[in-house]
Amino acid sequence: MKEILFVTDFVCPYCFVAKAALEEALKETGIPARVTVQPFELTEEPKERVDTYHDEERKSRYQILAEPARQLGLDMKFPPAVSPRPYTRLAFEGWFFAADRGCGNRYSDLIYRAYFIEEKDIGNPDVLTELAESIGLDKDEFKEALNLGTYSAAEKEAVAYSRDTLKITCVPTLYIDGEKTNLQEYTKEELIRLLSRQ
């Protein structure tokens, strides 16, 4: 059983492509794996949010993802027309809520898609609640958890672990059986190569 720690942020396009590539690689190879999501906020509150939509240099860098995304069937916006880029603290608190109810992966996939394909503001609690309800989560319980900060401590602790213990500076960062890996190609083929290493 491969142990994979997937350090990610929901507003990172590289992460969305890498997640899809990893899932396809695991499906194709049949390699048994336990994938653990490790939250990392690219912009922690109250730091000023970044305007990725009007950043031409960033748009240019994102083009490395265009072909891998196409191959994976992801009709992504590079970047989405959500300006400035949302904070992701609440989205991650929502992920903890979903994970506690056995649907963390479905929720995270939905959040990536909402932002990068549907161009929704995933920093907005109403948007998050609507998305959570769409996968069968109780919208009132979900909204209450966000309002009360039920998962605030867990989220802060996870982000602090990524930042201070793992010393993460960029995402996605994958640890495969404890070995740190930074992707170069973001393709299914690259993930198959990494997963197949002994």
N, C-alpha and C. Protein backbone atom coordinates (compact mmCIF):
# COMPACT_ATOMS: atom_id res chain seq x y z
N MET A 1 0.84 -1.20 0.00
CA MET A 1 0.00 0.00 0.00
C MET A 1 0.88 1.25 0.00
N LYS A 2 0.74 2.06 -1.05
CA LYS A 2 1.48 3.33 -1.11
C LYS A 2 0.80 4.34 -0.19
N GLU A 3 1.63 5.05 0.56
CA GLU A 3 1.12 6.14 1.39
C GLU A 3 1.47 7.45 0.69
N ILE A 4 0.44 8.20 0.32
CA ILE A 4 0.66 9.44 -0.42
C ILE A 4 0.08 10.61 0.37
N LEU A 5 0.94 11.56 0.69
CA LEU A 5 0.51 12.80 1.33
C LEU A 5 0.47 13.86 0.23
N PHE A 6 -0.69 14.42 0.01
CA PHE A 6 -0.91 15.37 -1.08
C PHE A 6 -1.11 16.76 -0.49
N VAL A 7 -0.04 17.57 -0.53
CA VAL A 7 -0.11 18.92 0.04
C VAL A 7 -0.67 19.85 -1.05
N THR A 8 -1.75 20.55 -0.71
CA THR A 8 -2.51 21.23 -1.77
C THR A 8 -3.22 22.47 -1.26
N ASP A 9 -3.58 23.33 -2.22
CA ASP A 9 -4.52 24.41 -1.95
C ASP A 9 -5.54 24.42 -3.07
N PHE A 10 -6.78 24.72 -2.73
CA PHE A 10 -7.87 24.65 -3.71
C PHE A 10 -7.76 25.69 -4.83
N VAL A 11 -6.96 26.74 -4.64
CA VAL A 11 -6.84 27.77 -5.68
C VAL A 11 -5.56 27.59 -6.50
N CYS A 12 -4.93 26.44 -6.36
CA CYS A 12 -3.70 26.15 -7.12
C CYS A 12 -4.05 25.30 -8.34
N PRO A 13 -3.89 25.84 -9.56
CA PRO A 13 -4.24 25.06 -10.75
C PRO A 13 -3.37 23.82 -10.92
N TYR A 14 -2.11 23.92 -10.51
CA TYR A 14 -1.21 22.78 -10.60
C TYR A 14 -1.74 21.62 -9.73
N CYS A 15 -2.33 21.97 -8.59
CA CYS A 15 -2.87 20.96 -7.68
C CYS A 15 -4.05 20.22 -8.30
N PHE A 16 -4.93 20.96 -8.94
CA PHE A 16 -6.12 20.35 -9.55
C PHE A 16 -5.70 19.37 -10.64
N VAL A 17 -4.77 19.79 -11.49
CA VAL A 17 -4.29 18.91 -12.56
C VAL A 17 -3.57 17.69 -11.97
N ALA A 18 -2.75 17.94 -10.95
CA ALA A 18 -2.01 16.85 -10.32
C ALA A 18 -2.95 15.85 -9.66
N LYS A 19 -4.01 16.32 -9.03
CA LYS A 19 -4.98 15.43 -8.39
C LYS A 19 -5.63 14.52 -9.42
N ALA A 20 -6.04 15.12 -10.54
CA ALA A 20 -6.67 14.33 -11.60
C ALA A 20 -5.68 13.32 -12.20
N ALA A 21 -4.44 13.76 -12.40
CA ALA A 21 -3.41 12.87 -12.96
C ALA A 21 -3.11 11.72 -12.01
N LEU A 22 -3.05 12.03 -10.72
CA LEU A 22 -2.79 10.99 -9.71
C LEU A 22 -3.91 9.96 -9.71
N GLU A 23 -5.15 10.42 -9.74
CA GLU A 23 -6.28 9.50 -9.72
C GLU A 23 -6.28 8.60 -10.96
N GLU A 24 -5.96 9.18 -12.13
CA GLU A 24 -5.89 8.38 -13.35
C GLU A 24 -4.73 7.38 -13.30
N ALA A 25 -3.60 7.81 -12.74
CA ALA A 25 -2.44 6.93 -12.64
C ALA A 25 -2.73 5.75 -11.72
N LEU A 26 -3.40 6.01 -10.61
CA LEU A 26 -3.74 4.94 -9.68
C LEU A 26 -4.75 3.97 -10.30
N LYS A 27 -5.68 4.54 -11.05
CA LYS A 27 -6.69 3.70 -11.71
C LYS A 27 -6.03 2.80 -12.76
N GLU A 28 -5.13 3.38 -13.56
CA GLU A 28 -4.50 2.63 -14.65
C GLU A 28 -3.55 1.56 -14.13
N THR A 29 -2.80 1.87 -13.08
CA THR A 29 -1.80 0.92 -12.58
C THR A 29 -2.38 -0.10 -11.61
N GLY A 30 -3.48 0.27 -10.97
CA GLY A 30 -4.04 -0.62 -9.95
C GLY A 30 -3.23 -0.66 -8.68
N ILE A 31 -2.27 0.26 -8.55
CA ILE A 31 -1.44 0.31 -7.34
C ILE A 31 -2.30 0.74 -6.16
N PRO A 32 -2.34 -0.07 -5.10
CA PRO A 32 -3.13 0.33 -3.94
C PRO A 32 -2.46 1.49 -3.22
N ALA A 33 -3.24 2.49 -2.87
CA ALA A 33 -2.67 3.68 -2.24
C ALA A 33 -3.68 4.32 -1.30
N ARG A 34 -3.16 4.91 -0.24
CA ARG A 34 -3.97 5.74 0.64
C ARG A 34 -3.50 7.17 0.44
N VAL A 35 -4.39 8.00 -0.08
CA VAL A 35 -4.05 9.40 -0.34
C VAL A 35 -4.62 10.27 0.77
N THR A 36 -3.75 11.02 1.42
CA THR A 36 -4.16 11.91 2.50
C THR A 36 -3.97 13.36 2.05
N VAL A 37 -5.04 14.13 2.13
CA VAL A 37 -4.97 15.56 1.79
C VAL A 37 -4.33 16.32 2.94
N GLN A 38 -3.38 17.17 2.60
CA GLN A 38 -2.70 18.01 3.60
C GLN A 38 -2.90 19.47 3.19
N PRO A 39 -3.77 20.21 3.90
CA PRO A 39 -4.07 21.59 3.51
C PRO A 39 -2.87 22.53 3.64
N PHE A 40 -2.81 23.46 2.68
CA PHE A 40 -1.82 24.54 2.70
C PHE A 40 -2.47 25.76 2.06
N GLU A 41 -2.53 26.86 2.79
CA GLU A 41 -3.12 28.09 2.23
C GLU A 41 -2.03 28.92 1.56
N LEU A 42 -2.17 29.16 0.27
CA LEU A 42 -1.21 30.00 -0.43
C LEU A 42 -1.23 31.43 0.10
N THR A 43 -2.42 31.90 0.45
CA THR A 43 -2.54 33.23 1.05
C THR A 43 -3.35 33.09 2.34
N GLU A 44 -2.68 33.21 3.46
CA GLU A 44 -3.36 33.12 4.75
C GLU A 44 -3.92 34.48 5.14
N GLU A 45 -5.10 34.47 5.72
CA GLU A 45 -5.67 35.71 6.23
C GLU A 45 -4.78 36.25 7.35
N PRO A 46 -4.56 37.55 7.48
CA PRO A 46 -5.16 38.65 6.71
C PRO A 46 -4.25 39.17 5.59
N LYS A 47 -3.33 38.36 5.09
CA LYS A 47 -2.48 38.83 4.01
C LYS A 47 -3.33 39.26 2.82
N GLU A 48 -2.81 40.21 2.06
CA GLU A 48 -3.56 40.73 0.92
C GLU A 48 -3.73 39.64 -0.13
N ARG A 49 -4.93 39.54 -0.64
CA ARG A 49 -5.22 38.53 -1.66
C ARG A 49 -4.59 38.91 -3.00
N VAL A 50 -4.28 37.90 -3.79
CA VAL A 50 -3.59 38.08 -5.07
C VAL A 50 -4.61 38.17 -6.20
N ASP A 51 -4.34 39.05 -7.15
CA ASP A 51 -5.19 39.14 -8.35
C ASP A 51 -4.54 38.32 -9.46
N THR A 52 -4.87 37.04 -9.50
CA THR A 52 -4.28 36.17 -10.53
C THR A 52 -4.89 36.42 -11.91
N TYR A 53 -6.14 36.89 -11.93
CA TYR A 53 -6.84 37.02 -13.22
C TYR A 53 -6.19 38.07 -14.12
N HIS A 54 -5.62 39.11 -13.53
CA HIS A 54 -5.01 40.18 -14.34
C HIS A 54 -3.49 40.09 -14.36
N ASP A 55 -2.95 38.97 -13.97
CA ASP A 55 -1.50 38.78 -13.89
C ASP A 55 -1.02 38.04 -15.15
N GLU A 56 -0.52 38.80 -16.11
CA GLU A 56 -0.14 38.20 -17.40
C GLU A 56 1.03 37.23 -17.27
N GLU A 57 1.96 37.55 -16.39
CA GLU A 57 3.11 36.65 -16.20
C GLU A 57 2.65 35.30 -15.65
N ARG A 58 1.74 35.35 -14.70
CA ARG A 58 1.20 34.12 -14.11
C ARG A 58 0.42 33.32 -15.16
N LYS A 59 -0.39 34.02 -15.94
CA LYS A 59 -1.14 33.34 -17.01
C LYS A 59 -0.20 32.61 -17.96
N SER A 60 0.92 33.23 -18.26
CA SER A 60 1.91 32.62 -19.15
C SER A 60 2.49 31.35 -18.52
N ARG A 61 2.81 31.42 -17.24
CA ARG A 61 3.37 30.25 -16.54
C ARG A 61 2.37 29.10 -16.49
N TYR A 62 1.09 29.43 -16.36
CA TYR A 62 0.06 28.41 -16.25
C TYR A 62 -0.07 27.57 -17.53
N GLN A 63 0.46 28.07 -18.65
CA GLN A 63 0.27 27.37 -19.92
C GLN A 63 0.91 25.98 -19.94
N ILE A 64 1.85 25.73 -19.03
CA ILE A 64 2.43 24.39 -18.92
C ILE A 64 1.36 23.35 -18.58
N LEU A 65 0.25 23.83 -18.02
CA LEU A 65 -0.83 22.93 -17.60
C LEU A 65 -1.87 22.69 -18.68
N ALA A 66 -1.84 23.47 -19.74
CA ALA A 66 -2.92 23.41 -20.74
C ALA A 66 -3.05 22.03 -21.37
N GLU A 67 -1.95 21.45 -21.82
CA GLU A 67 -2.02 20.15 -22.48
C GLU A 67 -2.32 19.02 -21.49
N PRO A 68 -1.64 18.95 -20.32
CA PRO A 68 -2.03 17.93 -19.35
C PRO A 68 -3.51 18.01 -18.95
N ALA A 69 -4.02 19.24 -18.76
CA ALA A 69 -5.43 19.40 -18.41
C ALA A 69 -6.33 18.88 -19.53
N ARG A 70 -5.96 19.21 -20.77
CA ARG A 70 -6.77 18.74 -21.92
C ARG A 70 -6.79 17.22 -21.96
N GLN A 71 -5.62 16.59 -21.76
CA GLN A 71 -5.54 15.13 -21.79
C GLN A 71 -6.38 14.49 -20.69
N LEU A 72 -6.53 15.20 -19.58
CA LEU A 72 -7.31 14.69 -18.45
C LEU A 72 -8.78 15.07 -18.53
N GLY A 73 -9.15 15.79 -19.59
CA GLY A 73 -10.55 16.17 -19.77
C GLY A 73 -11.01 17.31 -18.88
N LEU A 74 -10.07 18.15 -18.45
CA LEU A 74 -10.40 19.28 -17.59
C LEU A 74 -10.47 20.58 -18.39
N ASP A 75 -11.64 21.13 -18.50
CA ASP A 75 -11.83 22.38 -19.25
C ASP A 75 -11.60 23.57 -18.30
N MET A 76 -10.32 23.75 -17.92
CA MET A 76 -9.98 24.72 -16.90
C MET A 76 -9.77 26.12 -17.45
N LYS A 77 -10.00 27.10 -16.58
CA LYS A 77 -9.67 28.49 -16.90
C LYS A 77 -8.33 28.79 -16.24
N PHE A 78 -7.42 29.37 -17.00
CA PHE A 78 -6.07 29.66 -16.50
C PHE A 78 -5.79 31.16 -16.50
N PRO A 79 -6.10 31.87 -15.46
CA PRO A 79 -6.83 31.50 -14.25
C PRO A 79 -8.31 31.84 -14.40
N PRO A 80 -9.15 31.42 -13.42
CA PRO A 80 -10.57 31.77 -13.48
C PRO A 80 -10.80 33.26 -13.23
N ALA A 81 -11.94 33.73 -13.71
CA ALA A 81 -12.28 35.16 -13.57
C ALA A 81 -12.89 35.42 -12.19
N VAL A 82 -12.12 35.14 -11.16
CA VAL A 82 -12.52 35.45 -9.78
C VAL A 82 -11.39 36.31 -9.23
N SER A 83 -11.70 37.57 -9.00
CA SER A 83 -10.64 38.50 -8.61
C SER A 83 -11.09 39.32 -7.40
N PRO A 84 -10.22 39.41 -6.37
CA PRO A 84 -8.95 38.70 -6.24
C PRO A 84 -9.16 37.22 -5.92
N ARG A 85 -8.08 36.47 -5.93
CA ARG A 85 -8.15 35.03 -5.65
C ARG A 85 -8.67 34.83 -4.22
N PRO A 86 -9.62 33.91 -4.03
CA PRO A 86 -10.22 33.73 -2.70
C PRO A 86 -9.25 33.18 -1.66
N TYR A 87 -9.50 33.55 -0.41
CA TYR A 87 -8.90 32.81 0.69
C TYR A 87 -9.51 31.41 0.70
N THR A 88 -8.79 30.43 1.23
CA THR A 88 -9.32 29.06 1.20
C THR A 88 -9.54 28.46 2.59
N ARG A 89 -9.43 29.27 3.63
CA ARG A 89 -9.63 28.75 4.98
C ARG A 89 -11.00 28.09 5.13
N LEU A 90 -12.04 28.77 4.72
CA LEU A 90 -13.39 28.23 4.87
C LEU A 90 -13.60 26.99 3.99
N ALA A 91 -13.03 27.00 2.80
CA ALA A 91 -13.16 25.83 1.92
C ALA A 91 -12.52 24.61 2.57
N PHE A 92 -11.39 24.82 3.25
CA PHE A 92 -10.74 23.70 3.94
C PHE A 92 -11.52 23.28 5.18
N GLU A 93 -12.10 24.24 5.89
CA GLU A 93 -12.95 23.86 7.02
C GLU A 93 -14.11 23.01 6.52
N GLY A 94 -14.64 23.37 5.37
CA GLY A 94 -15.70 22.58 4.75
C GLY A 94 -15.21 21.19 4.37
N TRP A 95 -13.95 21.12 3.93
CA TRP A 95 -13.37 19.81 3.59
C TRP A 95 -13.30 18.92 4.83
N PHE A 96 -12.90 19.47 5.97
CA PHE A 96 -12.86 18.68 7.21
C PHE A 96 -14.27 18.17 7.56
N PHE A 97 -15.27 19.02 7.39
CA PHE A 97 -16.66 18.63 7.63
C PHE A 97 -17.02 17.45 6.73
N ALA A 98 -16.71 17.59 5.43
CA ALA A 98 -17.04 16.54 4.46
C ALA A 98 -16.26 15.24 4.75
N ALA A 99 -14.99 15.38 5.08
CA ALA A 99 -14.15 14.21 5.36
C ALA A 99 -14.69 13.43 6.56
N ASP A 100 -15.18 14.15 7.55
CA ASP A 100 -15.76 13.49 8.73
C ASP A 100 -16.99 12.67 8.37
N ARG A 101 -17.59 12.99 7.24
CA ARG A 101 -18.79 12.30 6.80
C ARG A 101 -18.53 11.39 5.60
N GLY A 102 -17.26 11.11 5.37
CA GLY A 102 -16.88 10.11 4.36
C GLY A 102 -16.89 10.58 2.93
N CYS A 103 -16.93 11.90 2.70
CA CYS A 103 -16.93 12.35 1.30
C CYS A 103 -15.96 13.50 1.07
N GLY A 104 -14.80 13.42 1.72
CA GLY A 104 -13.79 14.45 1.55
C GLY A 104 -13.28 14.56 0.13
N ASN A 105 -13.08 13.42 -0.54
CA ASN A 105 -12.55 13.45 -1.90
C ASN A 105 -13.57 14.04 -2.88
N ARG A 106 -14.83 13.66 -2.73
CA ARG A 106 -15.88 14.22 -3.61
C ARG A 106 -15.98 15.72 -3.40
N TYR A 107 -15.90 16.14 -2.16
CA TYR A 107 -15.98 17.57 -1.85
C TYR A 107 -14.81 18.32 -2.47
N SER A 108 -13.59 17.81 -2.27
CA SER A 108 -12.43 18.54 -2.79
C SER A 108 -12.47 18.61 -4.31
N ASP A 109 -12.88 17.54 -4.97
CA ASP A 109 -13.00 17.56 -6.42
C ASP A 109 -14.00 18.62 -6.87
N LEU A 110 -15.10 18.70 -6.14
CA LEU A 110 -16.14 19.69 -6.45
C LEU A 110 -15.63 21.12 -6.27
N ILE A 111 -14.84 21.35 -5.22
CA ILE A 111 -14.32 22.69 -4.95
C ILE A 111 -13.36 23.12 -6.06
N TYR A 112 -12.43 22.23 -6.45
CA TYR A 112 -11.52 22.55 -7.56
C TYR A 112 -12.32 22.89 -8.82
N ARG A 113 -13.30 22.04 -9.13
CA ARG A 113 -14.09 22.24 -10.35
C ARG A 113 -14.90 23.53 -10.29
N ALA A 114 -15.46 23.82 -9.13
CA ALA A 114 -16.25 25.05 -8.98
C ALA A 114 -15.40 26.27 -9.29
N TYR A 115 -14.17 26.26 -8.81
CA TYR A 115 -13.28 27.42 -9.00
C TYR A 115 -12.69 27.46 -10.41
N PHE A 116 -12.07 26.38 -10.84
CA PHE A 116 -11.30 26.42 -12.08
C PHE A 116 -12.12 26.17 -13.34
N ILE A 117 -13.30 25.59 -13.22
CA ILE A 117 -14.13 25.33 -14.40
C ILE A 117 -15.35 26.25 -14.41
N GLU A 118 -16.03 26.34 -13.26
CA GLU A 118 -17.26 27.14 -13.21
C GLU A 118 -17.01 28.58 -12.77
N GLU A 119 -15.77 28.89 -12.36
CA GLU A 119 -15.37 30.24 -11.95
C GLU A 119 -16.23 30.79 -10.81
N LYS A 120 -16.44 29.95 -9.79
CA LYS A 120 -17.19 30.38 -8.61
C LYS A 120 -16.22 30.83 -7.52
N ASP A 121 -16.69 31.74 -6.68
CA ASP A 121 -15.89 32.27 -5.57
C ASP A 121 -15.95 31.28 -4.41
N ILE A 122 -14.93 30.44 -4.29
CA ILE A 122 -14.94 29.41 -3.25
C ILE A 122 -14.52 29.95 -1.88
N GLY A 123 -14.37 31.27 -1.78
CA GLY A 123 -14.17 31.90 -0.48
C GLY A 123 -15.48 32.33 0.14
N ASN A 124 -16.56 32.23 -0.63
CA ASN A 124 -17.88 32.67 -0.20
C ASN A 124 -18.59 31.51 0.51
N PRO A 125 -18.98 31.67 1.78
CA PRO A 125 -19.61 30.56 2.51
C PRO A 125 -20.91 30.08 1.88
N ASP A 126 -21.65 30.98 1.22
CA ASP A 126 -22.90 30.57 0.57
C ASP A 126 -22.61 29.65 -0.61
N VAL A 127 -21.56 29.96 -1.36
CA VAL A 127 -21.16 29.11 -2.48
C VAL A 127 -20.73 27.74 -1.96
N LEU A 128 -19.93 27.73 -0.90
CA LEU A 128 -19.47 26.47 -0.32
C LEU A 128 -20.64 25.63 0.18
N THR A 129 -21.61 26.28 0.81
CA THR A 129 -22.78 25.57 1.33
C THR A 129 -23.58 24.94 0.20
N GLU A 130 -23.76 25.70 -0.86
CA GLU A 130 -24.49 25.19 -2.04
C GLU A 130 -23.78 23.97 -2.64
N LEU A 131 -22.45 24.05 -2.72
CA LEU A 131 -21.67 22.93 -3.26
C LEU A 131 -21.76 21.72 -2.35
N ALA A 132 -21.67 21.95 -1.04
CA ALA A 132 -21.76 20.84 -0.09
C ALA A 132 -23.11 20.14 -0.19
N GLU A 133 -24.17 20.93 -0.31
CA GLU A 133 -25.51 20.36 -0.43
C GLU A 133 -25.63 19.51 -1.69
N SER A 134 -24.94 19.93 -2.76
CA SER A 134 -25.05 19.20 -4.04
C SER A 134 -24.48 17.79 -3.98
N ILE A 135 -23.66 17.48 -2.97
CA ILE A 135 -23.16 16.11 -2.82
C ILE A 135 -23.80 15.41 -1.63
N GLY A 136 -24.94 15.95 -1.19
CA GLY A 136 -25.73 15.26 -0.18
C GLY A 136 -25.43 15.63 1.26
N LEU A 137 -24.56 16.62 1.48
CA LEU A 137 -24.29 17.06 2.85
C LEU A 137 -25.42 17.97 3.33
N ASP A 138 -25.72 17.90 4.61
CA ASP A 138 -26.78 18.71 5.19
C ASP A 138 -26.36 20.18 5.18
N LYS A 139 -27.11 21.00 4.43
CA LYS A 139 -26.66 22.39 4.25
C LYS A 139 -26.70 23.19 5.55
N ASP A 140 -27.68 22.91 6.41
CA ASP A 140 -27.78 23.66 7.66
C ASP A 140 -26.64 23.29 8.61
N GLU A 141 -26.33 21.99 8.68
CA GLU A 141 -25.21 21.55 9.52
C GLU A 141 -23.89 22.12 8.99
N PHE A 142 -23.74 22.10 7.67
CA PHE A 142 -22.52 22.60 7.05
C PHE A 142 -22.35 24.08 7.35
N LYS A 143 -23.41 24.85 7.12
CA LYS A 143 -23.34 26.30 7.34
C LYS A 143 -23.06 26.62 8.81
N GLU A 144 -23.69 25.88 9.70
CA GLU A 144 -23.47 26.09 11.13
C GLU A 144 -22.01 25.80 11.50
N ALA A 145 -21.45 24.73 10.91
CA ALA A 145 -20.04 24.38 11.19
C ALA A 145 -19.11 25.51 10.76
N LEU A 146 -19.40 26.12 9.60
CA LEU A 146 -18.58 27.25 9.14
C LEU A 146 -18.77 28.46 10.05
N ASN A 147 -20.03 28.74 10.41
CA ASN A 147 -20.32 29.91 11.25
C ASN A 147 -19.71 29.79 12.64
N LEU A 148 -19.74 28.57 13.19
CA LEU A 148 -19.24 28.36 14.55
C LEU A 148 -17.73 28.09 14.58
N GLY A 149 -17.15 27.87 13.39
CA GLY A 149 -15.73 27.55 13.35
C GLY A 149 -15.42 26.18 13.94
N THR A 150 -16.33 25.24 13.72
CA THR A 150 -16.19 23.89 14.28
C THR A 150 -14.85 23.25 13.92
N TYR A 151 -14.40 23.52 12.70
CA TYR A 151 -13.15 22.90 12.23
C TYR A 151 -12.00 23.91 12.10
N SER A 152 -12.18 25.09 12.70
CA SER A 152 -11.14 26.13 12.59
C SER A 152 -9.80 25.66 13.16
N ALA A 153 -9.85 25.05 14.33
CA ALA A 153 -8.61 24.64 14.99
C ALA A 153 -7.90 23.55 14.17
N ALA A 154 -8.67 22.59 13.67
CA ALA A 154 -8.08 21.51 12.87
C ALA A 154 -7.47 22.07 11.59
N GLU A 155 -8.16 23.02 10.97
CA GLU A 155 -7.66 23.62 9.73
C GLU A 155 -6.38 24.41 9.99
N LYS A 156 -6.38 25.23 11.03
CA LYS A 156 -5.19 26.02 11.37
C LYS A 156 -4.00 25.12 11.69
N GLU A 157 -4.26 24.05 12.43
CA GLU A 157 -3.20 23.12 12.80
C GLU A 157 -2.61 22.43 11.56
N ALA A 158 -3.48 22.05 10.62
CA ALA A 158 -3.01 21.39 9.40
C ALA A 158 -2.16 22.33 8.55
N VAL A 159 -2.61 23.57 8.41
CA VAL A 159 -1.86 24.55 7.61
C VAL A 159 -0.53 24.87 8.28
N ALA A 160 -0.55 24.99 9.60
CA ALA A 160 0.70 25.26 10.33
C ALA A 160 1.68 24.10 10.18
N TYR A 161 1.17 22.88 10.17
CA TYR A 161 2.04 21.71 9.98
C TYR A 161 2.70 21.74 8.59
N SER A 162 1.90 22.08 7.58
CA SER A 162 2.44 22.19 6.22
C SER A 162 3.52 23.26 6.15
N ARG A 163 3.24 24.41 6.75
CA ARG A 163 4.12 25.56 6.66
C ARG A 163 5.38 25.40 7.54
N ASP A 164 5.17 25.00 8.79
CA ASP A 164 6.26 25.05 9.77
C ASP A 164 7.03 23.74 9.94
N THR A 165 6.35 22.62 9.78
CA THR A 165 7.00 21.32 9.96
C THR A 165 7.50 20.77 8.62
N LEU A 166 6.60 20.74 7.64
CA LEU A 166 7.00 20.24 6.32
C LEU A 166 7.80 21.28 5.54
N LYS A 167 7.70 22.55 5.96
CA LYS A 167 8.41 23.65 5.29
C LYS A 167 7.99 23.79 3.82
N ILE A 168 6.71 23.65 3.59
CA ILE A 168 6.19 23.75 2.22
C ILE A 168 6.28 25.19 1.74
N THR A 169 6.76 25.37 0.53
CA THR A 169 6.81 26.70 -0.08
C THR A 169 6.03 26.75 -1.38
N CYS A 170 5.74 25.58 -1.96
CA CYS A 170 4.94 25.56 -3.19
C CYS A 170 4.10 24.29 -3.20
N VAL A 171 2.98 24.39 -3.88
CA VAL A 171 2.09 23.23 -4.02
C VAL A 171 1.79 23.01 -5.50
N PRO A 172 1.47 21.76 -5.89
CA PRO A 172 1.37 20.60 -5.01
C PRO A 172 2.74 20.06 -4.65
N THR A 173 2.83 19.55 -3.43
CA THR A 173 3.99 18.75 -3.02
C THR A 173 3.45 17.39 -2.62
N LEU A 174 4.02 16.36 -3.17
CA LEU A 174 3.59 15.00 -2.85
C LEU A 174 4.68 14.29 -2.07
N TYR A 175 4.27 13.56 -1.07
CA TYR A 175 5.17 12.65 -0.37
C TYR A 175 4.68 11.24 -0.68
N ILE A 176 5.48 10.48 -1.41
CA ILE A 176 5.11 9.10 -1.74
C ILE A 176 5.96 8.19 -0.87
N ASP A 177 5.31 7.49 0.04
CA ASP A 177 6.00 6.67 1.04
C ASP A 177 7.10 7.48 1.74
N GLY A 178 6.75 8.73 2.07
CA GLY A 178 7.66 9.58 2.83
C GLY A 178 8.65 10.36 2.02
N GLU A 179 8.76 10.05 0.72
CA GLU A 179 9.73 10.75 -0.13
C GLU A 179 9.08 11.96 -0.80
N LYS A 180 9.69 13.13 -0.58
CA LYS A 180 9.14 14.37 -1.12
C LYS A 180 9.34 14.44 -2.62
N THR A 181 8.25 14.82 -3.32
CA THR A 181 8.28 14.89 -4.78
C THR A 181 7.62 16.17 -5.25
N ASN A 182 8.31 16.90 -6.11
CA ASN A 182 7.70 18.04 -6.80
C ASN A 182 7.54 17.68 -8.26
N LEU A 183 6.35 17.86 -8.78
CA LEU A 183 6.07 17.46 -10.16
C LEU A 183 6.66 18.45 -11.16
N GLN A 184 6.96 17.95 -12.34
CA GLN A 184 7.49 18.77 -13.44
C GLN A 184 6.50 18.85 -14.61
N GLU A 185 5.79 17.74 -14.88
CA GLU A 185 4.97 17.65 -16.09
C GLU A 185 3.47 17.67 -15.81
N TYR A 186 3.06 17.25 -14.63
CA TYR A 186 1.65 17.22 -14.24
C TYR A 186 0.82 16.30 -15.14
N THR A 187 1.42 15.20 -15.57
CA THR A 187 0.73 14.26 -16.45
C THR A 187 0.51 12.93 -15.73
N LYS A 188 -0.43 12.17 -16.26
CA LYS A 188 -0.67 10.81 -15.75
C LYS A 188 0.60 9.98 -15.87
N GLU A 189 1.31 10.14 -16.99
CA GLU A 189 2.53 9.35 -17.22
C GLU A 189 3.60 9.64 -16.18
N GLU A 190 3.75 10.92 -15.81
CA GLU A 190 4.72 11.27 -14.78
C GLU A 190 4.34 10.63 -13.45
N LEU A 191 3.07 10.66 -13.12
CA LEU A 191 2.63 10.06 -11.86
C LEU A 191 2.82 8.55 -11.88
N ILE A 192 2.59 7.92 -13.00
CA ILE A 192 2.80 6.47 -13.09
C ILE A 192 4.27 6.14 -12.83
N ARG A 193 5.16 6.94 -13.42
CA ARG A 193 6.60 6.72 -13.21
C ARG A 193 6.96 6.85 -11.72
N LEU A 194 6.41 7.89 -11.08
CA LEU A 194 6.71 8.12 -9.66
C LEU A 194 6.13 7.02 -8.78
N LEU A 195 4.93 6.59 -9.10
CA LEU A 195 4.28 5.54 -8.30
C LEU A 195 4.96 4.19 -8.47
N SER A 196 5.58 3.97 -9.64
CA SER A 196 6.17 2.68 -9.95
C SER A 196 7.57 2.52 -9.38
N ARG A 197 8.15 3.62 -8.89
CA ARG A 197 9.48 3.51 -8.29
C ARG A 197 9.40 2.70 -7.01
N GLN A 198 10.42 1.90 -6.78
CA GLN A 198 10.46 1.08 -5.56
C GLN A 198 10.96 1.92 -4.38
